[in-house]
Amino acid sequence: MAGASVTTLRLEPGLRKRLDGLAKAQGRSRSYVAAEAIREYVAANEWQIEEIQKAATEADRGEFASAAEVQRVMSKWSGRRRAQSAR
């Protein structure tokens, strides 16, 4: 990793043991597995925050689903649940 920097963090002994187990199973270093986990965590949370900010902006502009649109979606999902339960 060109330009990577060292970061130290504290892990509970059980978590460190689990991390070591994953690293061993993957044939990777503890550092690689931890960095990959942090990369995925950051990406997921950045996406979630971005979507929340977009939704807040839409709400501020008054862009809401109509009652009919909400009912249509709810009926769609409720219908699937009933159909799956009947099987």
N, C-alpha and C. Protein backbone atom coordinates (compact mmCIF):
# COMPACT_ATOMS: atom_id res chain seq x y z
N MET A 1 0.83 -1.19 0.00
CA MET A 1 0.00 0.00 0.00
C MET A 1 0.87 1.24 0.00
N ALA A 2 1.02 1.83 -1.13
CA ALA A 2 1.82 3.04 -1.22
C ALA A 2 1.12 4.17 -0.49
N GLY A 3 1.86 4.88 0.30
CA GLY A 3 1.31 6.02 1.00
C GLY A 3 0.47 5.67 2.22
N ALA A 4 0.46 4.40 2.60
CA ALA A 4 -0.33 4.00 3.77
C ALA A 4 0.36 4.47 5.04
N SER A 5 -0.45 4.75 6.05
CA SER A 5 0.11 5.15 7.33
C SER A 5 -0.30 4.14 8.40
N VAL A 6 0.41 4.14 9.47
CA VAL A 6 0.15 3.22 10.57
C VAL A 6 -0.85 3.85 11.53
N THR A 7 -1.86 3.07 11.89
CA THR A 7 -2.85 3.49 12.87
C THR A 7 -2.92 2.41 13.93
N THR A 8 -2.93 2.81 15.16
CA THR A 8 -3.00 1.85 16.26
C THR A 8 -4.40 1.89 16.84
N LEU A 9 -4.94 0.70 17.14
CA LEU A 9 -6.23 0.66 17.79
C LEU A 9 -6.25 -0.47 18.82
N ARG A 10 -7.11 -0.31 19.79
CA ARG A 10 -7.23 -1.31 20.85
C ARG A 10 -8.39 -2.24 20.52
N LEU A 11 -8.14 -3.53 20.65
CA LEU A 11 -9.18 -4.53 20.43
C LEU A 11 -9.32 -5.38 21.68
N GLU A 12 -10.55 -5.76 21.98
CA GLU A 12 -10.78 -6.70 23.06
C GLU A 12 -10.08 -8.00 22.68
N PRO A 13 -9.57 -8.74 23.66
CA PRO A 13 -8.84 -9.98 23.35
C PRO A 13 -9.66 -10.95 22.48
N GLY A 14 -10.94 -11.08 22.76
CA GLY A 14 -11.77 -12.00 21.97
C GLY A 14 -11.89 -11.56 20.52
N LEU A 15 -12.02 -10.26 20.31
CA LEU A 15 -12.14 -9.75 18.95
C LEU A 15 -10.82 -9.92 18.20
N ARG A 16 -9.73 -9.68 18.88
CA ARG A 16 -8.43 -9.87 18.23
C ARG A 16 -8.24 -11.33 17.84
N LYS A 17 -8.66 -12.23 18.69
CA LYS A 17 -8.54 -13.66 18.38
C LYS A 17 -9.38 -14.01 17.16
N ARG A 18 -10.59 -13.46 17.08
CA ARG A 18 -11.45 -13.71 15.93
C ARG A 18 -10.85 -13.13 14.66
N LEU A 19 -10.28 -11.92 14.77
CA LEU A 19 -9.62 -11.29 13.63
C LEU A 19 -8.46 -12.14 13.16
N ASP A 20 -7.68 -12.64 14.10
CA ASP A 20 -6.55 -13.51 13.74
C ASP A 20 -7.04 -14.78 13.05
N GLY A 21 -8.16 -15.32 13.51
CA GLY A 21 -8.73 -16.52 12.88
C GLY A 21 -9.15 -16.25 11.44
N LEU A 22 -9.77 -15.10 11.21
CA LEU A 22 -10.16 -14.73 9.84
C LEU A 22 -8.93 -14.55 8.96
N ALA A 23 -7.94 -13.87 9.50
CA ALA A 23 -6.71 -13.63 8.72
C ALA A 23 -6.06 -14.95 8.34
N LYS A 24 -5.99 -15.86 9.29
CA LYS A 24 -5.37 -17.16 9.02
C LYS A 24 -6.16 -17.93 7.97
N ALA A 25 -7.49 -17.93 8.10
CA ALA A 25 -8.34 -18.65 7.15
C ALA A 25 -8.21 -18.08 5.73
N GLN A 26 -7.96 -16.79 5.62
CA GLN A 26 -7.85 -16.14 4.31
C GLN A 26 -6.42 -16.11 3.79
N GLY A 27 -5.48 -16.51 4.63
CA GLY A 27 -4.08 -16.45 4.21
C GLY A 27 -3.60 -15.01 4.09
N ARG A 28 -4.16 -14.14 4.92
CA ARG A 28 -3.83 -12.71 4.90
C ARG A 28 -3.28 -12.30 6.25
N SER A 29 -2.74 -11.12 6.32
CA SER A 29 -2.27 -10.59 7.59
C SER A 29 -3.44 -9.99 8.37
N ARG A 30 -3.27 -9.87 9.67
CA ARG A 30 -4.27 -9.21 10.51
C ARG A 30 -4.49 -7.79 10.01
N SER A 31 -3.42 -7.11 9.64
CA SER A 31 -3.51 -5.74 9.16
C SER A 31 -4.35 -5.64 7.90
N TYR A 32 -4.15 -6.57 6.97
CA TYR A 32 -4.91 -6.54 5.73
C TYR A 32 -6.40 -6.72 6.01
N VAL A 33 -6.74 -7.72 6.83
CA VAL A 33 -8.15 -8.00 7.12
C VAL A 33 -8.79 -6.82 7.84
N ALA A 34 -8.08 -6.23 8.79
CA ALA A 34 -8.62 -5.08 9.53
C ALA A 34 -8.82 -3.89 8.59
N ALA A 35 -7.85 -3.63 7.73
CA ALA A 35 -7.96 -2.51 6.79
C ALA A 35 -9.13 -2.72 5.83
N GLU A 36 -9.31 -3.96 5.36
CA GLU A 36 -10.42 -4.26 4.46
C GLU A 36 -11.76 -4.05 5.17
N ALA A 37 -11.85 -4.47 6.41
CA ALA A 37 -13.08 -4.29 7.19
C ALA A 37 -13.38 -2.80 7.38
N ILE A 38 -12.36 -2.03 7.68
CA ILE A 38 -12.55 -0.59 7.87
C ILE A 38 -12.95 0.07 6.56
N ARG A 39 -12.34 -0.34 5.44
CA ARG A 39 -12.70 0.19 4.12
C ARG A 39 -14.19 -0.05 3.84
N GLU A 40 -14.65 -1.27 4.07
CA GLU A 40 -16.05 -1.60 3.82
C GLU A 40 -16.98 -0.83 4.75
N TYR A 41 -16.60 -0.70 6.01
CA TYR A 41 -17.41 0.04 6.99
C TYR A 41 -17.54 1.51 6.58
N VAL A 42 -16.43 2.10 6.22
CA VAL A 42 -16.44 3.51 5.82
C VAL A 42 -17.29 3.71 4.57
N ALA A 43 -17.12 2.84 3.58
CA ALA A 43 -17.90 2.97 2.34
C ALA A 43 -19.40 2.85 2.62
N ALA A 44 -19.79 1.88 3.42
CA ALA A 44 -21.21 1.68 3.72
C ALA A 44 -21.78 2.88 4.47
N ASN A 45 -21.04 3.40 5.42
CA ASN A 45 -21.54 4.53 6.20
C ASN A 45 -21.53 5.82 5.41
N GLU A 46 -20.55 6.00 4.53
CA GLU A 46 -20.56 7.18 3.66
C GLU A 46 -21.80 7.15 2.77
N TRP A 47 -22.10 5.97 2.21
CA TRP A 47 -23.26 5.83 1.34
C TRP A 47 -24.53 6.15 2.11
N GLN A 48 -24.66 5.60 3.31
CA GLN A 48 -25.87 5.82 4.11
C GLN A 48 -26.04 7.30 4.45
N ILE A 49 -24.99 7.94 4.87
CA ILE A 49 -25.07 9.37 5.21
C ILE A 49 -25.42 10.20 3.98
N GLU A 50 -24.83 9.86 2.84
CA GLU A 50 -25.14 10.59 1.60
C GLU A 50 -26.62 10.44 1.25
N GLU A 51 -27.16 9.23 1.37
CA GLU A 51 -28.57 9.01 1.06
C GLU A 51 -29.49 9.74 2.04
N ILE A 52 -29.12 9.78 3.30
CA ILE A 52 -29.90 10.51 4.30
C ILE A 52 -29.89 12.00 3.97
N GLN A 53 -28.73 12.52 3.60
CA GLN A 53 -28.64 13.95 3.24
C GLN A 53 -29.48 14.26 2.00
N LYS A 54 -29.47 13.36 1.01
CA LYS A 54 -30.30 13.56 -0.19
C LYS A 54 -31.77 13.57 0.20
N ALA A 55 -32.17 12.63 1.06
CA ALA A 55 -33.57 12.56 1.47
C ALA A 55 -33.98 13.81 2.25
N ALA A 56 -33.11 14.31 3.10
CA ALA A 56 -33.41 15.52 3.86
C ALA A 56 -33.56 16.72 2.92
N THR A 57 -32.72 16.80 1.90
CA THR A 57 -32.82 17.88 0.92
C THR A 57 -34.14 17.79 0.17
N GLU A 58 -34.52 16.56 -0.23
CA GLU A 58 -35.80 16.38 -0.92
C GLU A 58 -36.96 16.78 -0.01
N ALA A 59 -36.88 16.38 1.25
CA ALA A 59 -37.95 16.73 2.20
C ALA A 59 -38.03 18.24 2.39
N ASP A 60 -36.88 18.90 2.46
CA ASP A 60 -36.86 20.35 2.60
C ASP A 60 -37.53 21.03 1.41
N ARG A 61 -37.44 20.40 0.24
CA ARG A 61 -38.10 20.95 -0.96
C ARG A 61 -39.57 20.55 -1.03
N GLY A 62 -40.01 19.72 -0.07
CA GLY A 62 -41.40 19.28 -0.06
C GLY A 62 -41.68 18.12 -0.99
N GLU A 63 -40.65 17.41 -1.39
CA GLU A 63 -40.82 16.27 -2.30
C GLU A 63 -41.10 15.00 -1.49
N PHE A 64 -42.38 14.71 -1.34
CA PHE A 64 -42.81 13.54 -0.59
C PHE A 64 -43.65 12.65 -1.50
N ALA A 65 -43.70 11.38 -1.15
CA ALA A 65 -44.60 10.46 -1.86
C ALA A 65 -46.03 10.80 -1.45
N SER A 66 -46.94 10.66 -2.40
CA SER A 66 -48.35 10.89 -2.07
C SER A 66 -48.87 9.70 -1.27
N ALA A 67 -50.00 9.89 -0.64
CA ALA A 67 -50.62 8.80 0.13
C ALA A 67 -50.91 7.61 -0.78
N ALA A 68 -51.32 7.87 -2.00
CA ALA A 68 -51.62 6.79 -2.96
C ALA A 68 -50.35 6.01 -3.32
N GLU A 69 -49.24 6.72 -3.50
CA GLU A 69 -47.98 6.04 -3.82
C GLU A 69 -47.52 5.17 -2.66
N VAL A 70 -47.64 5.68 -1.45
CA VAL A 70 -47.26 4.90 -0.27
C VAL A 70 -48.14 3.66 -0.17
N GLN A 71 -49.43 3.81 -0.36
CA GLN A 71 -50.36 2.68 -0.27
C GLN A 71 -50.04 1.63 -1.33
N ARG A 72 -49.71 2.09 -2.56
CA ARG A 72 -49.38 1.15 -3.64
C ARG A 72 -48.17 0.30 -3.27
N VAL A 73 -47.14 0.92 -2.73
CA VAL A 73 -45.93 0.19 -2.34
C VAL A 73 -46.23 -0.75 -1.18
N MET A 74 -46.97 -0.26 -0.19
CA MET A 74 -47.30 -1.10 0.96
C MET A 74 -48.12 -2.31 0.53
N SER A 75 -49.07 -2.12 -0.39
CA SER A 75 -49.88 -3.23 -0.89
C SER A 75 -49.02 -4.24 -1.63
N LYS A 76 -48.07 -3.74 -2.39
CA LYS A 76 -47.17 -4.61 -3.15
C LYS A 76 -46.41 -5.52 -2.20
N TRP A 77 -45.83 -4.97 -1.15
CA TRP A 77 -45.04 -5.77 -0.22
C TRP A 77 -45.92 -6.63 0.67
N SER A 78 -47.07 -6.14 1.07
CA SER A 78 -47.99 -6.93 1.89
C SER A 78 -48.50 -8.12 1.10
N GLY A 79 -48.77 -7.93 -0.16
CA GLY A 79 -49.23 -9.01 -1.03
C GLY A 79 -48.20 -10.11 -1.18
N ARG A 80 -46.95 -9.75 -1.30
CA ARG A 80 -45.88 -10.74 -1.41
C ARG A 80 -45.77 -11.56 -0.14
N ARG A 81 -45.88 -10.92 0.98
CA ARG A 81 -45.76 -11.62 2.26
C ARG A 81 -46.89 -12.64 2.39
N ARG A 82 -48.12 -12.24 2.03
CA ARG A 82 -49.25 -13.16 2.12
C ARG A 82 -49.06 -14.32 1.16
N ALA A 83 -48.58 -14.04 -0.05
CA ALA A 83 -48.39 -15.10 -1.04
C ALA A 83 -47.32 -16.09 -0.56
N GLN A 84 -46.26 -15.59 0.06
CA GLN A 84 -45.20 -16.48 0.54
C GLN A 84 -45.68 -17.30 1.75
N SER A 85 -46.52 -16.72 2.58
CA SER A 85 -47.04 -17.41 3.76
C SER A 85 -47.98 -18.54 3.35
N ALA A 86 -48.68 -18.38 2.25
CA ALA A 86 -49.65 -19.38 1.79
C ALA A 86 -48.97 -20.62 1.23
N ARG A 87 -47.72 -20.52 0.89
CA ARG A 87 -47.00 -21.67 0.28
C ARG A 87 -46.76 -22.76 1.26
